[in-house]
Amino acid sequence: MNNTLRRSMIWPLLLLTLTCFVPSHAELVVVVGAGSTVSTLSKEQLIDLYLRRLKDFPGSNDTATPLIYNSGPLRSEFLQNVLGRSDAQVKAIWARYTFTGKAQAPRTVENPEEVKQLLAAHPKMIGYLNRGDVDASVKVVLVP
């Protein structure tokens, strides 16, 4: 087989193979424990809860405790695409509230299992997961 023909066949195959291994963009969902009284939230309400402008879940006197991943791509996606803020901006907001005593920063978590365990045990907590990690222990209240 001609070298030129071989080369012209290799590049399309290589590109096709590489596109098969590009990770798909997982769908992020906002969740509460299955026993929570919260059934839905707007994106604006969620932003207000995480940025601590709103302390209680809308329509109740239940103080919300937001959960946030300590690090990783899901945290970055949530901050950028849902809250519309950089990590540094969010940390500055939380530091100001903590310093003045107005509110606490969200509780940090390490993995989806920890999120689900905390939400199942504490109906006043709110967090986020990849849609694929959702199970019967949590309910989706927002798909941003």
N, C-alpha and C. Protein backbone atom coordinates (compact mmCIF):
# COMPACT_ATOMS: atom_id res chain seq x y z
N MET A 1 0.85 -1.18 0.00
CA MET A 1 0.00 0.00 0.00
C MET A 1 0.89 1.24 0.00
N ASN A 2 0.51 2.22 -0.70
CA ASN A 2 1.23 3.46 -0.84
C ASN A 2 1.30 4.19 0.51
N ASN A 3 2.47 4.74 0.86
CA ASN A 3 2.65 5.47 2.13
C ASN A 3 1.72 6.66 2.25
N THR A 4 1.50 7.36 1.19
CA THR A 4 0.61 8.51 1.21
C THR A 4 -0.81 8.07 1.52
N LEU A 5 -1.23 6.98 0.92
CA LEU A 5 -2.57 6.45 1.17
C LEU A 5 -2.70 6.00 2.63
N ARG A 6 -1.69 5.35 3.18
CA ARG A 6 -1.70 4.92 4.57
C ARG A 6 -1.84 6.12 5.51
N ARG A 7 -1.05 7.13 5.26
CA ARG A 7 -1.09 8.34 6.10
C ARG A 7 -2.45 9.01 6.03
N SER A 8 -3.02 9.06 4.84
CA SER A 8 -4.33 9.72 4.70
C SER A 8 -5.43 8.93 5.39
N MET A 9 -5.23 7.65 5.59
CA MET A 9 -6.22 6.84 6.29
C MET A 9 -6.02 6.88 7.81
N ILE A 10 -4.80 7.06 8.25
CA ILE A 10 -4.49 7.04 9.68
C ILE A 10 -5.08 8.25 10.41
N TRP A 11 -4.96 9.43 9.85
CA TRP A 11 -5.43 10.65 10.54
C TRP A 11 -6.93 10.62 10.83
N PRO A 12 -7.78 10.30 9.89
CA PRO A 12 -9.20 10.23 10.22
C PRO A 12 -9.51 9.18 11.29
N LEU A 13 -8.83 8.03 11.21
CA LEU A 13 -9.04 7.00 12.23
C LEU A 13 -8.56 7.46 13.60
N LEU A 14 -7.44 8.14 13.63
CA LEU A 14 -6.91 8.65 14.89
C LEU A 14 -7.87 9.68 15.50
N LEU A 15 -8.35 10.59 14.70
CA LEU A 15 -9.30 11.60 15.19
C LEU A 15 -10.59 10.97 15.68
N LEU A 16 -11.10 9.99 14.97
CA LEU A 16 -12.31 9.29 15.39
C LEU A 16 -12.09 8.59 16.72
N THR A 17 -10.95 7.95 16.88
CA THR A 17 -10.63 7.25 18.13
C THR A 17 -10.53 8.24 19.28
N LEU A 18 -9.87 9.36 19.08
CA LEU A 18 -9.72 10.35 20.14
C LEU A 18 -11.05 10.95 20.57
N THR A 19 -11.94 11.17 19.64
CA THR A 19 -13.24 11.75 20.01
C THR A 19 -14.07 10.77 20.83
N CYS A 20 -13.82 9.50 20.69
CA CYS A 20 -14.54 8.51 21.49
C CYS A 20 -14.12 8.54 22.95
N PHE A 21 -12.92 9.05 23.22
CA PHE A 21 -12.40 9.04 24.58
C PHE A 21 -12.49 10.39 25.27
N VAL A 22 -13.05 11.38 24.63
CA VAL A 22 -13.25 12.67 25.26
C VAL A 22 -14.38 12.53 26.27
N PRO A 23 -14.15 12.91 27.54
CA PRO A 23 -15.21 12.74 28.53
C PRO A 23 -16.43 13.58 28.20
N SER A 24 -17.58 12.98 28.38
CA SER A 24 -18.80 13.72 28.10
C SER A 24 -19.09 14.67 29.25
N HIS A 25 -19.74 15.74 28.97
CA HIS A 25 -20.07 16.74 29.97
C HIS A 25 -21.26 16.22 30.78
N ALA A 26 -21.01 15.92 32.04
CA ALA A 26 -22.06 15.37 32.90
C ALA A 26 -23.05 16.47 33.26
N GLU A 27 -24.29 16.08 33.44
CA GLU A 27 -25.32 17.04 33.79
C GLU A 27 -25.37 17.21 35.30
N LEU A 28 -25.17 18.43 35.74
CA LEU A 28 -25.20 18.76 37.15
C LEU A 28 -26.65 19.01 37.58
N VAL A 29 -27.04 18.47 38.73
CA VAL A 29 -28.38 18.69 39.27
C VAL A 29 -28.27 19.09 40.73
N VAL A 30 -29.20 19.91 41.18
CA VAL A 30 -29.25 20.35 42.57
C VAL A 30 -30.21 19.43 43.31
N VAL A 31 -29.78 18.95 44.48
CA VAL A 31 -30.54 17.94 45.20
C VAL A 31 -30.70 18.29 46.68
N VAL A 32 -31.75 17.73 47.27
CA VAL A 32 -31.97 17.74 48.71
C VAL A 32 -32.27 16.30 49.11
N GLY A 33 -32.30 16.04 50.41
CA GLY A 33 -32.63 14.70 50.86
C GLY A 33 -34.05 14.33 50.50
N ALA A 34 -34.29 13.05 50.33
CA ALA A 34 -35.63 12.58 49.94
C ALA A 34 -36.68 13.00 50.96
N GLY A 35 -36.30 13.18 52.22
CA GLY A 35 -37.24 13.57 53.27
C GLY A 35 -37.44 15.07 53.41
N SER A 36 -36.78 15.86 52.61
CA SER A 36 -36.90 17.31 52.69
C SER A 36 -38.27 17.78 52.22
N THR A 37 -38.74 18.88 52.79
CA THR A 37 -40.01 19.47 52.37
C THR A 37 -39.85 20.32 51.11
N VAL A 38 -38.61 20.62 50.72
CA VAL A 38 -38.35 21.41 49.52
C VAL A 38 -38.61 20.55 48.29
N SER A 39 -39.40 21.08 47.35
CA SER A 39 -39.69 20.31 46.14
C SER A 39 -39.10 20.93 44.89
N THR A 40 -38.90 22.24 44.91
CA THR A 40 -38.33 22.92 43.75
C THR A 40 -37.69 24.23 44.19
N LEU A 41 -36.72 24.67 43.42
CA LEU A 41 -36.06 25.96 43.64
C LEU A 41 -35.81 26.61 42.30
N SER A 42 -35.81 27.92 42.27
CA SER A 42 -35.40 28.63 41.07
C SER A 42 -33.88 28.80 41.13
N LYS A 43 -33.29 29.10 40.01
CA LYS A 43 -31.84 29.31 39.98
C LYS A 43 -31.47 30.51 40.85
N GLU A 44 -32.29 31.54 40.85
CA GLU A 44 -32.02 32.74 41.66
C GLU A 44 -32.06 32.40 43.15
N GLN A 45 -33.02 31.57 43.56
CA GLN A 45 -33.10 31.17 44.97
C GLN A 45 -31.87 30.35 45.35
N LEU A 46 -31.44 29.48 44.47
CA LEU A 46 -30.26 28.67 44.72
C LEU A 46 -29.03 29.56 44.89
N ILE A 47 -28.86 30.51 43.99
CA ILE A 47 -27.72 31.43 44.08
C ILE A 47 -27.77 32.18 45.41
N ASP A 48 -28.94 32.66 45.79
CA ASP A 48 -29.07 33.38 47.06
C ASP A 48 -28.75 32.49 48.26
N LEU A 49 -29.12 31.22 48.21
CA LEU A 49 -28.79 30.30 49.30
C LEU A 49 -27.28 30.08 49.40
N TYR A 50 -26.64 29.85 48.27
CA TYR A 50 -25.19 29.58 48.28
C TYR A 50 -24.36 30.82 48.55
N LEU A 51 -24.84 31.97 48.14
CA LEU A 51 -24.09 33.20 48.41
C LEU A 51 -24.53 33.83 49.74
N ARG A 52 -25.38 33.11 50.45
CA ARG A 52 -25.82 33.43 51.81
C ARG A 52 -26.64 34.72 51.91
N ARG A 53 -27.22 35.15 50.80
CA ARG A 53 -28.15 36.29 50.84
C ARG A 53 -29.51 35.83 51.35
N LEU A 54 -29.74 34.53 51.31
CA LEU A 54 -30.96 33.90 51.79
C LEU A 54 -30.53 32.77 52.70
N LYS A 55 -31.02 32.79 53.95
CA LYS A 55 -30.60 31.77 54.91
C LYS A 55 -31.57 30.60 54.98
N ASP A 56 -32.84 30.87 54.74
CA ASP A 56 -33.87 29.84 54.86
C ASP A 56 -34.33 29.40 53.48
N PHE A 57 -34.78 28.14 53.41
CA PHE A 57 -35.39 27.69 52.17
C PHE A 57 -36.63 28.54 51.92
N PRO A 58 -36.90 28.91 50.67
CA PRO A 58 -38.09 29.72 50.37
C PRO A 58 -39.37 29.05 50.87
N GLY A 59 -40.20 29.85 51.54
CA GLY A 59 -41.48 29.35 52.01
C GLY A 59 -41.41 28.57 53.31
N SER A 60 -40.27 28.61 54.00
CA SER A 60 -40.16 27.90 55.27
C SER A 60 -39.21 28.64 56.21
N ASN A 61 -39.18 28.20 57.42
CA ASN A 61 -38.25 28.76 58.40
C ASN A 61 -37.06 27.83 58.61
N ASP A 62 -36.88 26.89 57.71
CA ASP A 62 -35.78 25.94 57.80
C ASP A 62 -34.50 26.57 57.24
N THR A 63 -33.53 26.76 58.11
CA THR A 63 -32.26 27.33 57.68
C THR A 63 -31.54 26.31 56.80
N ALA A 64 -31.20 26.73 55.62
CA ALA A 64 -30.54 25.85 54.66
C ALA A 64 -29.05 25.78 54.94
N THR A 65 -28.51 24.58 54.82
CA THR A 65 -27.06 24.39 54.93
C THR A 65 -26.56 23.88 53.59
N PRO A 66 -25.93 24.74 52.81
CA PRO A 66 -25.43 24.30 51.50
C PRO A 66 -24.18 23.43 51.64
N LEU A 67 -24.06 22.48 50.74
CA LEU A 67 -22.88 21.63 50.64
C LEU A 67 -22.15 21.99 49.36
N ILE A 68 -20.84 21.97 49.41
CA ILE A 68 -20.04 22.23 48.21
C ILE A 68 -18.82 21.33 48.21
N TYR A 69 -18.44 20.86 47.04
CA TYR A 69 -17.26 20.01 46.94
C TYR A 69 -16.02 20.83 47.31
N ASN A 70 -15.09 20.15 47.98
CA ASN A 70 -13.85 20.79 48.41
C ASN A 70 -13.00 21.22 47.21
N SER A 71 -13.02 20.43 46.15
CA SER A 71 -12.27 20.75 44.93
C SER A 71 -12.80 19.89 43.80
N GLY A 72 -12.22 20.07 42.63
CA GLY A 72 -12.55 19.22 41.50
C GLY A 72 -13.40 19.89 40.43
N PRO A 73 -13.61 19.17 39.32
CA PRO A 73 -14.32 19.75 38.18
C PRO A 73 -15.79 20.04 38.46
N LEU A 74 -16.44 19.24 39.32
CA LEU A 74 -17.85 19.50 39.62
C LEU A 74 -18.01 20.81 40.39
N ARG A 75 -17.08 21.07 41.30
CA ARG A 75 -17.09 22.35 42.04
C ARG A 75 -16.91 23.51 41.06
N SER A 76 -15.94 23.39 40.19
CA SER A 76 -15.67 24.46 39.21
C SER A 76 -16.88 24.71 38.32
N GLU A 77 -17.50 23.62 37.85
CA GLU A 77 -18.68 23.76 36.99
C GLU A 77 -19.81 24.45 37.76
N PHE A 78 -20.03 24.04 39.00
CA PHE A 78 -21.09 24.64 39.80
C PHE A 78 -20.84 26.13 40.02
N LEU A 79 -19.64 26.48 40.41
CA LEU A 79 -19.33 27.89 40.67
C LEU A 79 -19.47 28.74 39.41
N GLN A 80 -18.88 28.28 38.32
CA GLN A 80 -18.89 29.06 37.08
C GLN A 80 -20.25 29.09 36.40
N ASN A 81 -20.85 27.91 36.21
CA ASN A 81 -22.06 27.81 35.39
C ASN A 81 -23.35 28.01 36.15
N VAL A 82 -23.35 27.78 37.45
CA VAL A 82 -24.57 27.94 38.22
C VAL A 82 -24.54 29.24 39.02
N LEU A 83 -23.50 29.43 39.82
CA LEU A 83 -23.42 30.65 40.62
C LEU A 83 -22.91 31.84 39.81
N GLY A 84 -22.23 31.58 38.71
CA GLY A 84 -21.72 32.67 37.88
C GLY A 84 -20.58 33.43 38.53
N ARG A 85 -19.80 32.73 39.35
CA ARG A 85 -18.70 33.37 40.08
C ARG A 85 -17.45 32.48 39.98
N SER A 86 -16.31 33.10 40.16
CA SER A 86 -15.07 32.33 40.23
C SER A 86 -14.89 31.81 41.65
N ASP A 87 -13.98 30.89 41.82
CA ASP A 87 -13.69 30.33 43.14
C ASP A 87 -13.24 31.44 44.09
N ALA A 88 -12.39 32.32 43.62
CA ALA A 88 -11.88 33.42 44.46
C ALA A 88 -13.02 34.36 44.88
N GLN A 89 -13.93 34.66 43.97
CA GLN A 89 -15.06 35.54 44.31
C GLN A 89 -15.95 34.92 45.38
N VAL A 90 -16.24 33.64 45.23
CA VAL A 90 -17.10 32.96 46.19
C VAL A 90 -16.42 32.87 47.56
N LYS A 91 -15.14 32.55 47.57
CA LYS A 91 -14.41 32.48 48.84
C LYS A 91 -14.40 33.84 49.53
N ALA A 92 -14.27 34.90 48.78
CA ALA A 92 -14.28 36.25 49.36
C ALA A 92 -15.65 36.58 49.97
N ILE A 93 -16.71 36.21 49.28
CA ILE A 93 -18.07 36.45 49.80
C ILE A 93 -18.26 35.69 51.11
N TRP A 94 -17.89 34.40 51.10
CA TRP A 94 -18.07 33.59 52.30
C TRP A 94 -17.21 34.08 53.44
N ALA A 95 -15.98 34.51 53.15
CA ALA A 95 -15.09 35.02 54.19
C ALA A 95 -15.68 36.27 54.84
N ARG A 96 -16.26 37.14 54.04
CA ARG A 96 -16.86 38.37 54.57
C ARG A 96 -18.01 38.03 55.52
N TYR A 97 -18.88 37.11 55.10
CA TYR A 97 -20.01 36.73 55.96
C TYR A 97 -19.54 36.04 57.24
N THR A 98 -18.55 35.18 57.11
CA THR A 98 -18.02 34.48 58.28
C THR A 98 -17.37 35.47 59.25
N PHE A 99 -16.59 36.39 58.72
CA PHE A 99 -15.88 37.39 59.54
C PHE A 99 -16.87 38.28 60.29
N THR A 100 -17.94 38.67 59.63
CA THR A 100 -18.92 39.56 60.27
C THR A 100 -19.91 38.80 61.14
N GLY A 101 -19.89 37.47 61.07
CA GLY A 101 -20.80 36.66 61.88
C GLY A 101 -22.20 36.55 61.31
N LYS A 102 -22.40 36.99 60.08
CA LYS A 102 -23.74 36.95 59.46
C LYS A 102 -24.13 35.56 58.99
N ALA A 103 -23.16 34.76 58.59
CA ALA A 103 -23.46 33.42 58.07
C ALA A 103 -22.19 32.59 58.05
N GLN A 104 -22.37 31.29 57.90
CA GLN A 104 -21.26 30.35 57.76
C GLN A 104 -21.08 30.00 56.28
N ALA A 105 -19.87 29.69 55.91
CA ALA A 105 -19.61 29.20 54.55
C ALA A 105 -20.26 27.83 54.40
N PRO A 106 -20.59 27.43 53.18
CA PRO A 106 -21.14 26.09 52.97
C PRO A 106 -20.19 25.01 53.49
N ARG A 107 -20.76 23.90 53.89
CA ARG A 107 -19.98 22.76 54.37
C ARG A 107 -19.33 22.07 53.18
N THR A 108 -18.06 21.76 53.28
CA THR A 108 -17.37 21.10 52.17
C THR A 108 -17.49 19.59 52.28
N VAL A 109 -17.56 18.96 51.11
CA VAL A 109 -17.66 17.51 51.00
C VAL A 109 -16.62 17.02 49.99
N GLU A 110 -16.33 15.72 50.06
CA GLU A 110 -15.29 15.15 49.20
C GLU A 110 -15.81 14.38 48.00
N ASN A 111 -17.01 13.77 48.12
CA ASN A 111 -17.46 12.89 47.05
C ASN A 111 -18.99 12.78 47.05
N PRO A 112 -19.56 12.21 45.99
CA PRO A 112 -21.02 12.09 45.89
C PRO A 112 -21.64 11.27 47.01
N GLU A 113 -20.95 10.24 47.47
CA GLU A 113 -21.49 9.41 48.55
C GLU A 113 -21.67 10.23 49.83
N GLU A 114 -20.70 11.09 50.12
CA GLU A 114 -20.81 11.95 51.30
C GLU A 114 -21.98 12.93 51.16
N VAL A 115 -22.17 13.47 49.97
CA VAL A 115 -23.31 14.37 49.73
C VAL A 115 -24.61 13.63 50.02
N LYS A 116 -24.77 12.44 49.47
CA LYS A 116 -26.01 11.69 49.64
C LYS A 116 -26.23 11.29 51.10
N GLN A 117 -25.17 10.90 51.80
CA GLN A 117 -25.31 10.53 53.22
C GLN A 117 -25.75 11.73 54.06
N LEU A 118 -25.14 12.88 53.83
CA LEU A 118 -25.49 14.08 54.59
C LEU A 118 -26.92 14.54 54.28
N LEU A 119 -27.28 14.52 53.01
CA LEU A 119 -28.63 14.95 52.64
C LEU A 119 -29.70 14.02 53.19
N ALA A 120 -29.41 12.72 53.20
CA ALA A 120 -30.37 11.76 53.74
C ALA A 120 -30.55 11.95 55.24
N ALA A 121 -29.48 12.32 55.93
CA ALA A 121 -29.53 12.47 57.39
C ALA A 121 -30.01 13.85 57.84
N HIS A 122 -29.87 14.85 56.97
CA HIS A 122 -30.19 16.24 57.35
C HIS A 122 -31.07 16.89 56.28
N PRO A 123 -32.38 16.92 56.49
CA PRO A 123 -33.29 17.44 55.46
C PRO A 123 -33.13 18.95 55.20
N LYS A 124 -32.34 19.65 56.01
CA LYS A 124 -32.16 21.09 55.80
C LYS A 124 -30.90 21.40 54.98
N MET A 125 -30.26 20.37 54.47
CA MET A 125 -29.07 20.57 53.64
C MET A 125 -29.45 20.52 52.17
N ILE A 126 -28.62 21.16 51.36
CA ILE A 126 -28.80 21.18 49.91
C ILE A 126 -27.44 21.00 49.27
N GLY A 127 -27.40 20.28 48.16
CA GLY A 127 -26.14 20.04 47.48
C GLY A 127 -26.35 19.84 45.99
N TYR A 128 -25.33 19.35 45.34
CA TYR A 128 -25.42 19.10 43.91
C TYR A 128 -24.64 17.84 43.57
N LEU A 129 -25.06 17.19 42.50
CA LEU A 129 -24.46 15.94 42.04
C LEU A 129 -24.48 15.90 40.52
N ASN A 130 -23.72 14.98 39.96
CA ASN A 130 -23.93 14.61 38.56
C ASN A 130 -25.23 13.83 38.51
N ARG A 131 -26.01 14.00 37.47
CA ARG A 131 -27.29 13.30 37.37
C ARG A 131 -27.12 11.78 37.54
N GLY A 132 -26.04 11.23 37.07
CA GLY A 132 -25.80 9.80 37.18
C GLY A 132 -25.61 9.31 38.61
N ASP A 133 -25.34 10.21 39.55
CA ASP A 133 -25.16 9.84 40.96
C ASP A 133 -26.46 9.92 41.76
N VAL A 134 -27.53 10.40 41.15
CA VAL A 134 -28.81 10.54 41.85
C VAL A 134 -29.40 9.16 42.11
N ASP A 135 -29.89 8.96 43.34
CA ASP A 135 -30.58 7.72 43.68
C ASP A 135 -31.79 8.06 44.57
N ALA A 136 -32.39 7.05 45.17
CA ALA A 136 -33.62 7.25 45.97
C ALA A 136 -33.41 8.03 47.26
N SER A 137 -32.15 8.22 47.68
CA SER A 137 -31.89 8.95 48.93
C SER A 137 -31.99 10.47 48.76
N VAL A 138 -32.05 10.92 47.52
CA VAL A 138 -32.12 12.37 47.24
C VAL A 138 -33.22 12.66 46.22
N LYS A 139 -33.62 13.93 46.17
CA LYS A 139 -34.55 14.34 45.11
C LYS A 139 -34.01 15.59 44.43
N VAL A 140 -34.21 15.66 43.15
CA VAL A 140 -33.74 16.78 42.33
C VAL A 140 -34.72 17.93 42.49
N VAL A 141 -34.19 19.12 42.83
CA VAL A 141 -35.03 20.31 42.96
C VAL A 141 -34.74 21.36 41.89
N LEU A 142 -33.64 21.17 41.17
CA LEU A 142 -33.31 22.12 40.10
C LEU A 142 -32.32 21.47 39.15
N VAL A 143 -32.56 21.66 37.86
CA VAL A 143 -31.61 21.29 36.82
C VAL A 143 -31.21 22.61 36.17
N PRO A 144 -30.06 23.16 36.61
CA PRO A 144 -29.68 24.50 36.11
C PRO A 144 -29.37 24.54 34.62
